[in-house]
Amino acid sequence: MPASSKIISPTFGRRLRQARLRANLPQDRLGVLAGLDEASSSARISRYEGAVHEPPVKFAKELAKVLGIPVAFLYCDDDRLAEIILAYSSMSEVQRGDLIILMSRFIPLHQ
């Protein structure tokens, strides 16, 4: 499929902008920290946030690493689930285990 006919989801761009603002990073700085050339970093991040382009998953992982978020957050199209992903990623292993136990009381996790 030609690149021009590829459908770009606005979710990635929206989540990237949300995470970047949360990290208080300008577009150019985020790009440089993720490995982009300084001269083009702001434009590239702007294109990602504007859903003009979507980066390869490998680069999305670099962006997530710089932003301190799980890459799953960038692709999550459900706002509540995205919040849960962020909360879960900041929990300790003990808290994560406790959460799984709590959830299993309401929802059978393994069927």
N, C-alpha and C. Protein backbone atom coordinates (compact mmCIF):
# COMPACT_ATOMS: atom_id res chain seq x y z
N MET A 1 0.85 -1.17 0.00
CA MET A 1 0.00 0.00 0.00
C MET A 1 0.90 1.24 0.00
N PRO A 2 0.70 2.18 -0.90
CA PRO A 2 1.51 3.38 -0.93
C PRO A 2 1.34 4.20 0.34
N ALA A 3 2.40 4.89 0.74
CA ALA A 3 2.38 5.67 1.98
C ALA A 3 1.26 6.70 1.96
N SER A 4 0.95 7.25 0.80
CA SER A 4 -0.07 8.29 0.72
C SER A 4 -1.47 7.77 1.03
N SER A 5 -1.71 6.45 0.88
CA SER A 5 -3.03 5.91 1.15
C SER A 5 -3.14 5.29 2.54
N LYS A 6 -2.07 5.34 3.32
CA LYS A 6 -2.10 4.80 4.66
C LYS A 6 -2.96 5.68 5.56
N ILE A 7 -3.85 5.08 6.31
CA ILE A 7 -4.73 5.83 7.21
C ILE A 7 -3.99 6.04 8.52
N ILE A 8 -3.88 7.29 8.92
CA ILE A 8 -3.20 7.65 10.16
C ILE A 8 -4.26 7.92 11.23
N SER A 9 -4.13 7.25 12.35
CA SER A 9 -5.06 7.46 13.46
C SER A 9 -4.66 8.71 14.24
N PRO A 10 -5.61 9.55 14.59
CA PRO A 10 -5.28 10.73 15.39
C PRO A 10 -4.92 10.40 16.84
N THR A 11 -5.18 9.16 17.25
CA THR A 11 -4.93 8.77 18.64
C THR A 11 -3.47 8.94 19.02
N PHE A 12 -2.57 8.44 18.20
CA PHE A 12 -1.15 8.52 18.52
C PHE A 12 -0.73 9.97 18.74
N GLY A 13 -1.09 10.83 17.82
CA GLY A 13 -0.71 12.24 17.92
C GLY A 13 -1.27 12.91 19.15
N ARG A 14 -2.52 12.61 19.45
CA ARG A 14 -3.16 13.20 20.62
C ARG A 14 -2.49 12.74 21.91
N ARG A 15 -2.19 11.46 21.99
CA ARG A 15 -1.53 10.92 23.18
C ARG A 15 -0.09 11.43 23.30
N LEU A 16 0.60 11.54 22.16
CA LEU A 16 1.97 12.04 22.20
C LEU A 16 1.99 13.48 22.73
N ARG A 17 1.10 14.30 22.24
CA ARG A 17 1.03 15.69 22.71
C ARG A 17 0.70 15.73 24.20
N GLN A 18 -0.27 14.93 24.61
CA GLN A 18 -0.67 14.86 26.02
C GLN A 18 0.53 14.49 26.90
N ALA A 19 1.27 13.47 26.50
CA ALA A 19 2.42 13.02 27.29
C ALA A 19 3.55 14.04 27.26
N ARG A 20 3.77 14.67 26.12
CA ARG A 20 4.83 15.67 26.00
C ARG A 20 4.54 16.87 26.89
N LEU A 21 3.30 17.34 26.88
CA LEU A 21 2.93 18.48 27.73
C LEU A 21 3.01 18.10 29.20
N ARG A 22 2.61 16.88 29.51
CA ARG A 22 2.69 16.38 30.89
C ARG A 22 4.15 16.34 31.37
N ALA A 23 5.07 16.03 30.45
CA ALA A 23 6.49 16.00 30.78
C ALA A 23 7.14 17.39 30.68
N ASN A 24 6.35 18.37 30.25
CA ASN A 24 6.82 19.75 30.13
C ASN A 24 8.03 19.86 29.19
N LEU A 25 7.92 19.20 28.05
CA LEU A 25 8.99 19.22 27.05
C LEU A 25 8.50 19.89 25.77
N PRO A 26 9.28 20.81 25.21
CA PRO A 26 8.92 21.33 23.89
C PRO A 26 9.17 20.28 22.82
N GLN A 27 8.54 20.43 21.68
CA GLN A 27 8.65 19.44 20.61
C GLN A 27 10.09 19.19 20.19
N ASP A 28 10.86 20.25 20.02
CA ASP A 28 12.23 20.07 19.55
C ASP A 28 13.08 19.29 20.56
N ARG A 29 12.89 19.57 21.83
CA ARG A 29 13.67 18.88 22.87
C ARG A 29 13.30 17.39 22.93
N LEU A 30 12.01 17.10 22.85
CA LEU A 30 11.57 15.70 22.84
C LEU A 30 12.21 14.95 21.68
N GLY A 31 12.16 15.55 20.51
CA GLY A 31 12.73 14.91 19.34
C GLY A 31 14.21 14.62 19.49
N VAL A 32 14.95 15.59 19.98
CA VAL A 32 16.40 15.42 20.16
C VAL A 32 16.68 14.33 21.19
N LEU A 33 15.96 14.35 22.31
CA LEU A 33 16.17 13.34 23.34
C LEU A 33 15.85 11.92 22.84
N ALA A 34 14.94 11.85 21.87
CA ALA A 34 14.57 10.54 21.30
C ALA A 34 15.47 10.12 20.14
N GLY A 35 16.40 11.01 19.76
CA GLY A 35 17.36 10.63 18.74
C GLY A 35 17.22 11.29 17.39
N LEU A 36 16.33 12.27 17.27
CA LEU A 36 16.18 12.96 16.00
C LEU A 36 17.23 14.05 15.86
N ASP A 37 17.51 14.41 14.62
CA ASP A 37 18.42 15.51 14.33
C ASP A 37 17.79 16.82 14.84
N GLU A 38 18.60 17.66 15.45
CA GLU A 38 18.10 18.90 16.04
C GLU A 38 17.39 19.80 15.02
N ALA A 39 17.89 19.81 13.79
CA ALA A 39 17.32 20.68 12.76
C ALA A 39 15.90 20.28 12.34
N SER A 40 15.58 19.00 12.48
CA SER A 40 14.26 18.55 12.03
C SER A 40 13.36 18.03 13.14
N SER A 41 13.85 18.02 14.37
CA SER A 41 13.10 17.37 15.45
C SER A 41 11.75 18.02 15.71
N SER A 42 11.69 19.34 15.76
CA SER A 42 10.43 20.01 16.04
C SER A 42 9.39 19.72 14.96
N ALA A 43 9.81 19.79 13.71
CA ALA A 43 8.88 19.53 12.60
C ALA A 43 8.38 18.09 12.62
N ARG A 44 9.26 17.14 12.91
CA ARG A 44 8.86 15.74 12.93
C ARG A 44 7.86 15.47 14.04
N ILE A 45 8.15 15.98 15.24
CA ILE A 45 7.23 15.77 16.35
C ILE A 45 5.89 16.45 16.05
N SER A 46 5.94 17.63 15.45
CA SER A 46 4.71 18.33 15.07
C SER A 46 3.89 17.49 14.10
N ARG A 47 4.54 16.85 13.16
CA ARG A 47 3.81 16.00 12.20
C ARG A 47 3.21 14.78 12.88
N TYR A 48 3.91 14.24 13.85
CA TYR A 48 3.36 13.11 14.60
C TYR A 48 2.15 13.56 15.41
N GLU A 49 2.28 14.68 16.10
CA GLU A 49 1.17 15.17 16.92
C GLU A 49 -0.03 15.59 16.08
N GLY A 50 0.22 16.07 14.88
CA GLY A 50 -0.85 16.50 14.00
C GLY A 50 -1.44 15.38 13.15
N ALA A 51 -1.00 14.17 13.38
CA ALA A 51 -1.48 12.98 12.66
C ALA A 51 -1.22 13.07 11.16
N VAL A 52 -0.16 13.79 10.79
CA VAL A 52 0.26 13.81 9.40
C VAL A 52 1.06 12.55 9.10
N HIS A 53 1.88 12.15 10.05
CA HIS A 53 2.68 10.93 9.97
C HIS A 53 2.58 10.20 11.30
N GLU A 54 2.84 8.90 11.26
CA GLU A 54 2.95 8.12 12.48
C GLU A 54 4.30 7.42 12.44
N PRO A 55 5.06 7.51 13.53
CA PRO A 55 6.41 6.93 13.50
C PRO A 55 6.37 5.41 13.54
N PRO A 56 7.47 4.78 13.13
CA PRO A 56 7.57 3.33 13.30
C PRO A 56 7.50 3.00 14.80
N VAL A 57 7.04 1.82 15.12
CA VAL A 57 6.89 1.40 16.51
C VAL A 57 8.22 1.52 17.27
N LYS A 58 9.31 1.18 16.60
CA LYS A 58 10.62 1.28 17.25
C LYS A 58 10.89 2.71 17.73
N PHE A 59 10.55 3.71 16.92
CA PHE A 59 10.77 5.09 17.34
C PHE A 59 9.73 5.52 18.38
N ALA A 60 8.51 5.00 18.26
CA ALA A 60 7.49 5.29 19.27
C ALA A 60 7.96 4.81 20.64
N LYS A 61 8.66 3.68 20.67
CA LYS A 61 9.21 3.17 21.93
C LYS A 61 10.25 4.13 22.49
N GLU A 62 11.06 4.73 21.64
CA GLU A 62 12.05 5.72 22.09
C GLU A 62 11.36 6.95 22.66
N LEU A 63 10.31 7.41 21.99
CA LEU A 63 9.55 8.56 22.49
C LEU A 63 8.96 8.25 23.86
N ALA A 64 8.36 7.07 23.99
CA ALA A 64 7.76 6.67 25.26
C ALA A 64 8.81 6.60 26.36
N LYS A 65 9.98 6.08 26.03
CA LYS A 65 11.07 5.98 27.01
C LYS A 65 11.46 7.37 27.51
N VAL A 66 11.63 8.32 26.59
CA VAL A 66 11.99 9.69 26.96
C VAL A 66 10.89 10.30 27.82
N LEU A 67 9.64 10.03 27.48
CA LEU A 67 8.51 10.61 28.20
C LEU A 67 8.20 9.89 29.51
N GLY A 68 8.81 8.74 29.72
CA GLY A 68 8.58 7.98 30.94
C GLY A 68 7.21 7.35 31.01
N ILE A 69 6.72 6.91 29.87
CA ILE A 69 5.39 6.30 29.78
C ILE A 69 5.49 4.97 29.04
N PRO A 70 4.51 4.09 29.23
CA PRO A 70 4.50 2.86 28.44
C PRO A 70 4.07 3.19 27.01
N VAL A 71 4.64 2.52 26.04
CA VAL A 71 4.30 2.77 24.64
C VAL A 71 2.82 2.49 24.38
N ALA A 72 2.23 1.60 25.14
CA ALA A 72 0.80 1.30 24.98
C ALA A 72 -0.07 2.55 25.15
N PHE A 73 0.37 3.46 26.00
CA PHE A 73 -0.39 4.70 26.22
C PHE A 73 -0.54 5.47 24.91
N LEU A 74 0.49 5.48 24.09
CA LEU A 74 0.47 6.25 22.85
C LEU A 74 -0.54 5.73 21.83
N TYR A 75 -0.88 4.46 21.93
CA TYR A 75 -1.79 3.85 20.97
C TYR A 75 -3.20 3.61 21.53
N CYS A 76 -3.42 3.92 22.79
CA CYS A 76 -4.69 3.62 23.44
C CYS A 76 -5.76 4.63 23.05
N ASP A 77 -6.84 4.15 22.44
CA ASP A 77 -7.89 5.07 21.99
C ASP A 77 -9.01 5.25 23.01
N ASP A 78 -8.91 4.63 24.15
CA ASP A 78 -9.90 4.76 25.22
C ASP A 78 -9.29 5.62 26.33
N ASP A 79 -9.91 6.77 26.60
CA ASP A 79 -9.34 7.71 27.58
C ASP A 79 -9.19 7.12 28.97
N ARG A 80 -10.19 6.39 29.42
CA ARG A 80 -10.11 5.80 30.77
C ARG A 80 -9.02 4.74 30.84
N LEU A 81 -8.94 3.92 29.82
CA LEU A 81 -7.91 2.89 29.80
C LEU A 81 -6.52 3.54 29.72
N ALA A 82 -6.39 4.63 29.00
CA ALA A 82 -5.11 5.34 28.93
C ALA A 82 -4.70 5.83 30.31
N GLU A 83 -5.66 6.34 31.08
CA GLU A 83 -5.37 6.77 32.45
C GLU A 83 -4.92 5.58 33.31
N ILE A 84 -5.58 4.46 33.12
CA ILE A 84 -5.22 3.25 33.87
C ILE A 84 -3.81 2.80 33.51
N ILE A 85 -3.47 2.86 32.23
CA ILE A 85 -2.12 2.48 31.79
C ILE A 85 -1.08 3.35 32.47
N LEU A 86 -1.31 4.66 32.52
CA LEU A 86 -0.36 5.56 33.19
C LEU A 86 -0.27 5.27 34.68
N ALA A 87 -1.41 5.07 35.31
CA ALA A 87 -1.42 4.79 36.75
C ALA A 87 -0.69 3.48 37.04
N TYR A 88 -0.99 2.46 36.26
CA TYR A 88 -0.36 1.15 36.45
C TYR A 88 1.16 1.25 36.29
N SER A 89 1.60 2.03 35.32
CA SER A 89 3.04 2.12 35.06
C SER A 89 3.79 2.81 36.19
N SER A 90 3.08 3.58 37.00
CA SER A 90 3.76 4.26 38.11
C SER A 90 3.66 3.49 39.43
N MET A 91 2.99 2.35 39.41
CA MET A 91 2.84 1.54 40.62
C MET A 91 4.06 0.66 40.85
N SER A 92 4.26 0.32 42.11
CA SER A 92 5.30 -0.66 42.46
C SER A 92 4.78 -2.05 42.11
N GLU A 93 5.66 -3.04 42.11
CA GLU A 93 5.24 -4.41 41.83
C GLU A 93 4.23 -4.90 42.86
N VAL A 94 4.40 -4.51 44.11
CA VAL A 94 3.46 -4.90 45.16
C VAL A 94 2.08 -4.30 44.86
N GLN A 95 2.05 -3.03 44.50
CA GLN A 95 0.77 -2.38 44.18
C GLN A 95 0.12 -3.03 42.96
N ARG A 96 0.93 -3.39 41.97
CA ARG A 96 0.38 -4.05 40.79
C ARG A 96 -0.24 -5.39 41.15
N GLY A 97 0.43 -6.13 42.02
CA GLY A 97 -0.11 -7.41 42.48
C GLY A 97 -1.41 -7.22 43.24
N ASP A 98 -1.44 -6.21 44.10
CA ASP A 98 -2.66 -5.92 44.85
C ASP A 98 -3.80 -5.53 43.92
N LEU A 99 -3.49 -4.79 42.88
CA LEU A 99 -4.51 -4.38 41.91
C LEU A 99 -5.08 -5.60 41.19
N ILE A 100 -4.23 -6.52 40.81
CA ILE A 100 -4.69 -7.74 40.14
C ILE A 100 -5.62 -8.53 41.06
N ILE A 101 -5.26 -8.62 42.33
CA ILE A 101 -6.10 -9.34 43.30
C ILE A 101 -7.45 -8.64 43.43
N LEU A 102 -7.43 -7.32 43.54
CA LEU A 102 -8.67 -6.55 43.65
C LEU A 102 -9.54 -6.73 42.41
N MET A 103 -8.93 -6.65 41.26
CA MET A 103 -9.70 -6.80 40.02
C MET A 103 -10.30 -8.19 39.91
N SER A 104 -9.58 -9.20 40.36
CA SER A 104 -10.08 -10.57 40.23
C SER A 104 -11.32 -10.81 41.09
N ARG A 105 -11.54 -9.97 42.07
CA ARG A 105 -12.76 -10.09 42.88
C ARG A 105 -13.99 -9.67 42.09
N PHE A 106 -13.81 -8.80 41.10
CA PHE A 106 -14.92 -8.27 40.31
C PHE A 106 -15.04 -8.91 38.95
N ILE A 107 -13.91 -9.31 38.39
CA ILE A 107 -13.88 -9.83 37.03
C ILE A 107 -13.00 -11.07 37.01
N PRO A 108 -13.51 -12.18 36.53
CA PRO A 108 -12.63 -13.34 36.40
C PRO A 108 -11.57 -13.07 35.36
N LEU A 109 -10.30 -13.02 35.79
CA LEU A 109 -9.22 -12.65 34.88
C LEU A 109 -8.74 -13.81 34.03
N HIS A 110 -8.89 -15.02 34.51
CA HIS A 110 -8.45 -16.20 33.76
C HIS A 110 -9.64 -17.15 33.62
N GLN A 111 -10.09 -17.30 32.42
CA GLN A 111 -11.24 -18.17 32.19
C GLN A 111 -10.86 -19.39 31.41
